């Protein structure tokens, strides 16, 4: 995942900002909102599976959930 993170931290590696936003940032923001809503309404431990590209980088689902105060463990 660290190699993917290096690539994804620079939107230019995906062509441009529009492609980067469409493929990652916007999707991750939408998923994060959905996951946050699901977890707020339930208790316990949660498992969500997503593609590796959505787990790495500054705009990852993990980073966004952590910014909202969730304890995220990648296994």
Foldseek 3Di string as FASTA:
>chain_A
DVVLQVQLQDCVSQPDPVSSCVVEQVVLVVVLVVVVVVDVVDDDDDDDDDDPNQCHYCRHNVNVNVVVPDDDDDD
